[in-house]
């Protein structure tokens, strides 16, 4: 399994940008699909973006054109560049395999978009 540590969250004004990083331990990182997920209190965790081991990418429609997922297999890192942030992007963001593994949820990183 991949064990992730997320970072890069914070408070940003609407229209601003943040860059999230996920440092993932585990020898299988390069051969598994990875995803960024987010969760708002009281709601189910949502898959935001996914990147396959070969680099194929897909996004949930609400972030298409604003978020960019990327991976560096040599460094076992996953990145989410978030631009044109909106208040509805406020959530705790997590990285995990895709589909996710129950034992591979980290603590996440809080993103708050507010003026």
N, C-alpha and C. Protein backbone atom coordinates (compact mmCIF):
# COMPACT_ATOMS: atom_id res chain seq x y z
N UNK A 1 0.83 -1.19 0.00
CA UNK A 1 0.00 0.00 0.00
C UNK A 1 0.88 1.25 0.00
N UNK A 2 0.26 2.32 -0.48
CA UNK A 2 0.89 3.63 -0.44
C UNK A 2 0.48 4.34 0.84
N UNK A 3 1.44 4.92 1.53
CA UNK A 3 1.16 5.71 2.72
C UNK A 3 1.44 7.18 2.41
N UNK A 4 0.40 8.01 2.35
CA UNK A 4 0.59 9.38 1.90
C UNK A 4 0.70 10.40 3.03
N UNK A 5 1.39 11.49 2.75
CA UNK A 5 1.44 12.65 3.63
C UNK A 5 1.15 13.87 2.76
N UNK A 6 0.01 14.51 3.01
CA UNK A 6 -0.42 15.65 2.21
C UNK A 6 0.04 16.96 2.83
N UNK A 7 0.30 17.95 1.99
CA UNK A 7 0.70 19.27 2.45
C UNK A 7 0.32 20.31 1.40
N UNK A 8 0.40 21.57 1.80
CA UNK A 8 0.19 22.66 0.85
C UNK A 8 -1.13 23.39 0.97
N UNK A 9 -2.00 22.94 1.85
CA UNK A 9 -3.27 23.62 2.00
C UNK A 9 -3.12 24.95 2.71
N UNK A 10 -4.23 25.66 2.81
CA UNK A 10 -4.21 26.95 3.48
C UNK A 10 -5.46 27.74 3.20
N UNK A 11 -5.41 29.01 3.58
CA UNK A 11 -6.51 29.94 3.35
C UNK A 11 -6.16 30.80 2.13
N UNK A 12 -7.09 30.88 1.21
CA UNK A 12 -6.86 31.64 -0.01
C UNK A 12 -8.15 32.35 -0.41
N UNK A 13 -8.02 33.50 -1.04
CA UNK A 13 -9.20 34.23 -1.49
C UNK A 13 -9.75 33.62 -2.77
N UNK A 14 -11.03 33.80 -3.01
CA UNK A 14 -11.60 33.32 -4.29
C UNK A 14 -10.80 33.86 -5.47
N UNK A 15 -10.56 32.97 -6.43
CA UNK A 15 -9.75 33.31 -7.58
C UNK A 15 -8.28 33.03 -7.40
N UNK A 16 -7.88 32.69 -6.20
CA UNK A 16 -6.48 32.42 -5.91
C UNK A 16 -6.06 31.00 -6.29
N UNK A 17 -4.82 30.69 -5.96
CA UNK A 17 -4.23 29.40 -6.32
C UNK A 17 -3.54 28.76 -5.12
N UNK A 18 -3.52 27.45 -5.14
CA UNK A 18 -2.75 26.66 -4.18
C UNK A 18 -2.17 25.46 -4.91
N UNK A 19 -1.07 24.96 -4.36
CA UNK A 19 -0.45 23.77 -4.91
C UNK A 19 -0.32 22.74 -3.80
N UNK A 20 -1.04 21.64 -3.93
CA UNK A 20 -1.00 20.57 -2.95
C UNK A 20 0.03 19.53 -3.35
N UNK A 21 0.71 18.98 -2.34
CA UNK A 21 1.67 17.92 -2.59
C UNK A 21 1.35 16.71 -1.73
N UNK A 22 1.68 15.56 -2.25
CA UNK A 22 1.50 14.31 -1.53
C UNK A 22 2.80 13.52 -1.65
N UNK A 23 3.43 13.30 -0.51
CA UNK A 23 4.62 12.45 -0.46
C UNK A 23 4.17 11.07 -0.06
N UNK A 24 4.42 10.11 -0.91
CA UNK A 24 3.88 8.77 -0.70
C UNK A 24 4.99 7.76 -0.54
N UNK A 25 4.98 7.05 0.58
CA UNK A 25 5.91 5.95 0.76
C UNK A 25 5.30 4.69 0.18
N UNK A 26 6.13 3.71 -0.08
CA UNK A 26 5.62 2.47 -0.66
C UNK A 26 6.19 2.22 -2.02
N UNK A 27 6.63 1.01 -2.25
CA UNK A 27 7.33 0.68 -3.49
C UNK A 27 6.42 0.56 -4.70
N UNK A 28 5.10 0.57 -4.45
CA UNK A 28 4.19 0.36 -5.57
C UNK A 28 3.69 1.65 -6.19
N UNK A 29 4.15 2.81 -5.67
CA UNK A 29 3.60 4.10 -6.12
C UNK A 29 3.59 4.22 -7.63
N UNK A 30 4.69 3.84 -8.26
CA UNK A 30 4.83 4.08 -9.70
C UNK A 30 3.92 3.19 -10.55
N UNK A 31 3.35 2.15 -9.97
CA UNK A 31 2.57 1.21 -10.78
C UNK A 31 1.09 1.24 -10.45
N UNK A 32 0.67 2.19 -9.63
CA UNK A 32 -0.75 2.28 -9.29
C UNK A 32 -1.30 3.64 -9.71
N UNK A 33 -2.59 3.65 -10.00
CA UNK A 33 -3.27 4.92 -10.22
C UNK A 33 -3.42 5.65 -8.89
N UNK A 34 -3.27 6.96 -8.93
CA UNK A 34 -3.37 7.79 -7.74
C UNK A 34 -4.43 8.87 -7.95
N UNK A 35 -5.05 9.26 -6.86
CA UNK A 35 -6.10 10.26 -6.96
C UNK A 35 -6.03 11.28 -5.84
N UNK A 36 -6.58 12.44 -6.10
CA UNK A 36 -6.85 13.44 -5.08
C UNK A 36 -8.34 13.41 -4.76
N UNK A 37 -8.64 13.40 -3.48
CA UNK A 37 -10.00 13.35 -3.00
C UNK A 37 -10.22 14.55 -2.07
N UNK A 38 -11.48 14.90 -1.87
CA UNK A 38 -11.78 15.96 -0.91
C UNK A 38 -13.05 15.63 -0.16
N UNK A 39 -13.13 16.17 1.05
CA UNK A 39 -14.29 15.90 1.89
C UNK A 39 -14.68 17.14 2.66
N UNK A 40 -15.96 17.41 2.63
CA UNK A 40 -16.56 18.48 3.41
C UNK A 40 -17.31 17.83 4.57
N UNK A 41 -17.25 18.39 5.77
CA UNK A 41 -17.96 17.79 6.90
C UNK A 41 -19.42 17.49 6.57
N UNK A 42 -19.83 16.28 6.89
CA UNK A 42 -21.21 15.89 6.66
C UNK A 42 -21.48 15.34 5.27
N UNK A 43 -20.46 15.32 4.42
CA UNK A 43 -20.63 14.81 3.06
C UNK A 43 -19.64 13.69 2.79
N UNK A 44 -19.94 12.90 1.77
CA UNK A 44 -19.05 11.81 1.39
C UNK A 44 -17.78 12.36 0.74
N UNK A 45 -16.71 11.61 0.91
CA UNK A 45 -15.47 11.96 0.25
C UNK A 45 -15.66 11.85 -1.26
N UNK A 46 -15.10 12.82 -1.99
CA UNK A 46 -15.29 12.93 -3.44
C UNK A 46 -13.95 12.80 -4.16
N UNK A 47 -13.94 11.99 -5.21
CA UNK A 47 -12.74 11.93 -6.05
C UNK A 47 -12.71 13.16 -6.95
N UNK A 48 -11.61 13.89 -6.90
CA UNK A 48 -11.48 15.14 -7.64
C UNK A 48 -10.72 14.95 -8.94
N UNK A 49 -9.63 14.19 -8.86
CA UNK A 49 -8.78 13.99 -10.04
C UNK A 49 -8.03 12.68 -9.88
N UNK A 50 -7.77 12.02 -10.98
CA UNK A 50 -7.06 10.76 -10.94
C UNK A 50 -6.04 10.72 -12.07
N UNK A 51 -4.90 10.10 -11.80
CA UNK A 51 -3.86 9.92 -12.81
C UNK A 51 -3.40 8.48 -12.75
N UNK A 52 -3.40 7.83 -13.90
CA UNK A 52 -2.99 6.43 -13.96
C UNK A 52 -1.48 6.31 -13.88
N UNK A 53 -1.00 5.09 -13.76
CA UNK A 53 0.44 4.87 -13.74
C UNK A 53 1.08 5.31 -15.05
N UNK A 54 0.31 5.27 -16.12
CA UNK A 54 0.83 5.67 -17.42
C UNK A 54 0.61 7.13 -17.76
N UNK A 55 -0.06 7.87 -16.86
CA UNK A 55 -0.24 9.30 -17.05
C UNK A 55 -1.58 9.73 -17.60
N UNK A 56 -2.51 8.80 -17.79
CA UNK A 56 -3.85 9.19 -18.20
C UNK A 56 -4.55 9.90 -17.04
N UNK A 57 -5.28 10.96 -17.37
CA UNK A 57 -5.83 11.85 -16.34
C UNK A 57 -7.32 12.07 -16.57
N UNK A 58 -8.05 12.17 -15.48
CA UNK A 58 -9.43 12.59 -15.56
C UNK A 58 -9.78 13.43 -14.33
N UNK A 59 -10.78 14.28 -14.49
CA UNK A 59 -11.19 15.21 -13.44
C UNK A 59 -12.70 15.15 -13.25
N UNK A 60 -13.15 15.47 -12.05
CA UNK A 60 -14.57 15.69 -11.83
C UNK A 60 -14.94 16.99 -12.57
N UNK A 61 -16.11 17.06 -13.18
CA UNK A 61 -16.44 18.23 -14.01
C UNK A 61 -16.29 19.59 -13.31
N UNK A 62 -16.53 19.63 -12.01
CA UNK A 62 -16.50 20.91 -11.31
C UNK A 62 -15.12 21.54 -11.22
N UNK A 63 -14.07 20.76 -11.46
CA UNK A 63 -12.71 21.31 -11.38
C UNK A 63 -12.01 21.33 -12.73
N UNK A 64 -12.65 20.80 -13.74
CA UNK A 64 -12.04 20.73 -15.07
C UNK A 64 -11.67 22.12 -15.56
N UNK A 65 -10.43 22.24 -16.01
CA UNK A 65 -9.94 23.53 -16.49
C UNK A 65 -9.33 24.40 -15.41
N UNK A 66 -9.50 24.02 -14.16
CA UNK A 66 -8.95 24.81 -13.04
C UNK A 66 -7.88 24.06 -12.27
N UNK A 67 -8.03 22.75 -12.16
CA UNK A 67 -7.09 21.93 -11.41
C UNK A 67 -6.24 21.10 -12.37
N UNK A 68 -4.99 20.84 -11.96
CA UNK A 68 -4.09 20.00 -12.74
C UNK A 68 -3.40 19.01 -11.82
N UNK A 69 -3.58 17.74 -12.11
CA UNK A 69 -2.94 16.68 -11.34
C UNK A 69 -1.69 16.23 -12.08
N UNK A 70 -0.64 15.92 -11.32
CA UNK A 70 0.59 15.41 -11.92
C UNK A 70 1.28 14.49 -10.92
N UNK A 71 2.21 13.70 -11.43
CA UNK A 71 2.94 12.78 -10.57
C UNK A 71 4.40 12.73 -10.98
N UNK A 72 5.26 12.46 -10.01
CA UNK A 72 6.68 12.25 -10.25
C UNK A 72 7.02 10.90 -9.64
N UNK A 73 7.08 9.88 -10.48
CA UNK A 73 7.31 8.53 -9.97
C UNK A 73 8.70 8.36 -9.39
N UNK A 74 9.66 9.14 -9.86
CA UNK A 74 11.02 9.05 -9.32
C UNK A 74 11.09 9.56 -7.88
N UNK A 75 10.18 10.48 -7.54
CA UNK A 75 10.18 11.06 -6.20
C UNK A 75 9.00 10.60 -5.37
N UNK A 76 8.18 9.72 -5.92
CA UNK A 76 6.98 9.24 -5.21
C UNK A 76 6.13 10.41 -4.72
N UNK A 77 5.89 11.36 -5.60
CA UNK A 77 5.08 12.51 -5.22
C UNK A 77 3.92 12.72 -6.19
N UNK A 78 2.83 13.19 -5.64
CA UNK A 78 1.62 13.51 -6.39
C UNK A 78 1.31 14.97 -6.10
N UNK A 79 0.93 15.71 -7.12
CA UNK A 79 0.70 17.15 -6.98
C UNK A 79 -0.66 17.53 -7.55
N UNK A 80 -1.28 18.51 -6.92
CA UNK A 80 -2.53 19.07 -7.45
C UNK A 80 -2.39 20.59 -7.48
N UNK A 81 -2.28 21.14 -8.68
CA UNK A 81 -2.25 22.58 -8.86
C UNK A 81 -3.69 23.06 -8.99
N UNK A 82 -4.08 23.96 -8.10
CA UNK A 82 -5.46 24.44 -8.08
C UNK A 82 -5.47 25.93 -8.37
N UNK A 83 -6.11 26.31 -9.45
CA UNK A 83 -6.23 27.71 -9.84
C UNK A 83 -7.69 28.13 -9.84
N UNK A 84 -7.92 29.43 -9.87
CA UNK A 84 -9.28 29.98 -9.91
C UNK A 84 -10.16 29.34 -8.85
N UNK A 85 -9.64 29.29 -7.65
CA UNK A 85 -10.36 28.61 -6.57
C UNK A 85 -11.66 29.31 -6.23
N UNK A 86 -12.64 28.50 -5.84
CA UNK A 86 -13.96 28.98 -5.50
C UNK A 86 -14.29 28.57 -4.06
N UNK A 87 -15.19 29.28 -3.42
CA UNK A 87 -15.57 28.88 -2.05
C UNK A 87 -16.01 27.43 -1.95
N UNK A 88 -16.64 26.91 -2.98
CA UNK A 88 -17.11 25.53 -2.94
C UNK A 88 -15.97 24.51 -3.04
N UNK A 89 -14.74 24.97 -3.27
CA UNK A 89 -13.58 24.08 -3.24
C UNK A 89 -13.09 23.85 -1.82
N UNK A 90 -13.65 24.58 -0.87
CA UNK A 90 -13.25 24.42 0.53
C UNK A 90 -13.52 23.00 1.00
N UNK A 91 -12.48 22.34 1.51
CA UNK A 91 -12.58 20.95 1.94
C UNK A 91 -11.23 20.51 2.50
N UNK A 92 -11.22 19.32 3.08
CA UNK A 92 -9.96 18.66 3.39
C UNK A 92 -9.61 17.79 2.19
N UNK A 93 -8.39 17.94 1.69
CA UNK A 93 -7.94 17.22 0.51
C UNK A 93 -7.01 16.09 0.91
N UNK A 94 -7.22 14.94 0.29
CA UNK A 94 -6.45 13.74 0.57
C UNK A 94 -5.92 13.15 -0.74
N UNK A 95 -4.82 12.44 -0.64
CA UNK A 95 -4.41 11.62 -1.78
C UNK A 95 -4.45 10.15 -1.36
N UNK A 96 -4.69 9.30 -2.31
CA UNK A 96 -4.80 7.86 -2.07
C UNK A 96 -4.73 7.19 -3.42
N UNK A 97 -4.58 5.89 -3.38
CA UNK A 97 -4.67 5.15 -4.62
C UNK A 97 -6.08 5.32 -5.19
N UNK A 98 -6.21 4.97 -6.47
CA UNK A 98 -7.51 5.01 -7.11
C UNK A 98 -7.74 3.65 -7.79
N UNK A 99 -8.74 2.89 -7.34
CA UNK A 99 -9.64 3.13 -6.21
C UNK A 99 -8.88 3.21 -4.88
N UNK A 100 -9.45 3.88 -3.90
CA UNK A 100 -8.73 4.10 -2.64
C UNK A 100 -8.61 2.83 -1.80
N UNK A 101 -7.56 2.80 -0.98
CA UNK A 101 -7.35 1.73 -0.03
C UNK A 101 -7.68 2.27 1.36
N UNK A 102 -8.46 1.51 2.11
CA UNK A 102 -8.90 1.99 3.43
C UNK A 102 -7.72 2.31 4.34
N UNK A 103 -6.68 1.56 4.26
CA UNK A 103 -5.53 1.76 5.14
C UNK A 103 -4.56 2.81 4.67
N UNK A 104 -4.90 3.53 3.61
CA UNK A 104 -3.97 4.48 3.01
C UNK A 104 -4.46 5.92 3.05
N UNK A 105 -5.38 6.22 3.96
CA UNK A 105 -5.81 7.61 4.12
C UNK A 105 -4.85 8.32 5.08
N UNK A 106 -4.33 9.45 4.63
CA UNK A 106 -3.52 10.28 5.50
C UNK A 106 -4.39 11.25 6.28
N UNK A 107 -3.76 12.26 6.86
CA UNK A 107 -4.51 13.25 7.64
C UNK A 107 -5.12 14.32 6.76
N UNK A 108 -4.68 14.41 5.52
CA UNK A 108 -5.23 15.40 4.62
C UNK A 108 -4.66 16.79 4.87
N UNK A 109 -5.04 17.70 4.01
CA UNK A 109 -4.63 19.09 4.15
C UNK A 109 -5.85 19.98 3.90
N UNK A 110 -6.07 20.93 4.79
CA UNK A 110 -7.26 21.78 4.72
C UNK A 110 -7.07 22.89 3.70
N UNK A 111 -8.04 23.02 2.82
CA UNK A 111 -8.09 24.13 1.87
C UNK A 111 -9.33 24.95 2.18
N UNK A 112 -9.14 26.22 2.43
CA UNK A 112 -10.25 27.12 2.72
C UNK A 112 -10.22 28.29 1.74
N UNK A 113 -11.29 28.45 1.01
CA UNK A 113 -11.39 29.54 0.03
C UNK A 113 -12.44 30.52 0.54
N UNK A 114 -11.96 31.68 0.95
CA UNK A 114 -12.86 32.65 1.57
C UNK A 114 -12.26 34.04 1.46
N UNK A 115 -13.13 35.02 1.35
CA UNK A 115 -12.69 36.40 1.33
C UNK A 115 -12.74 36.99 2.74
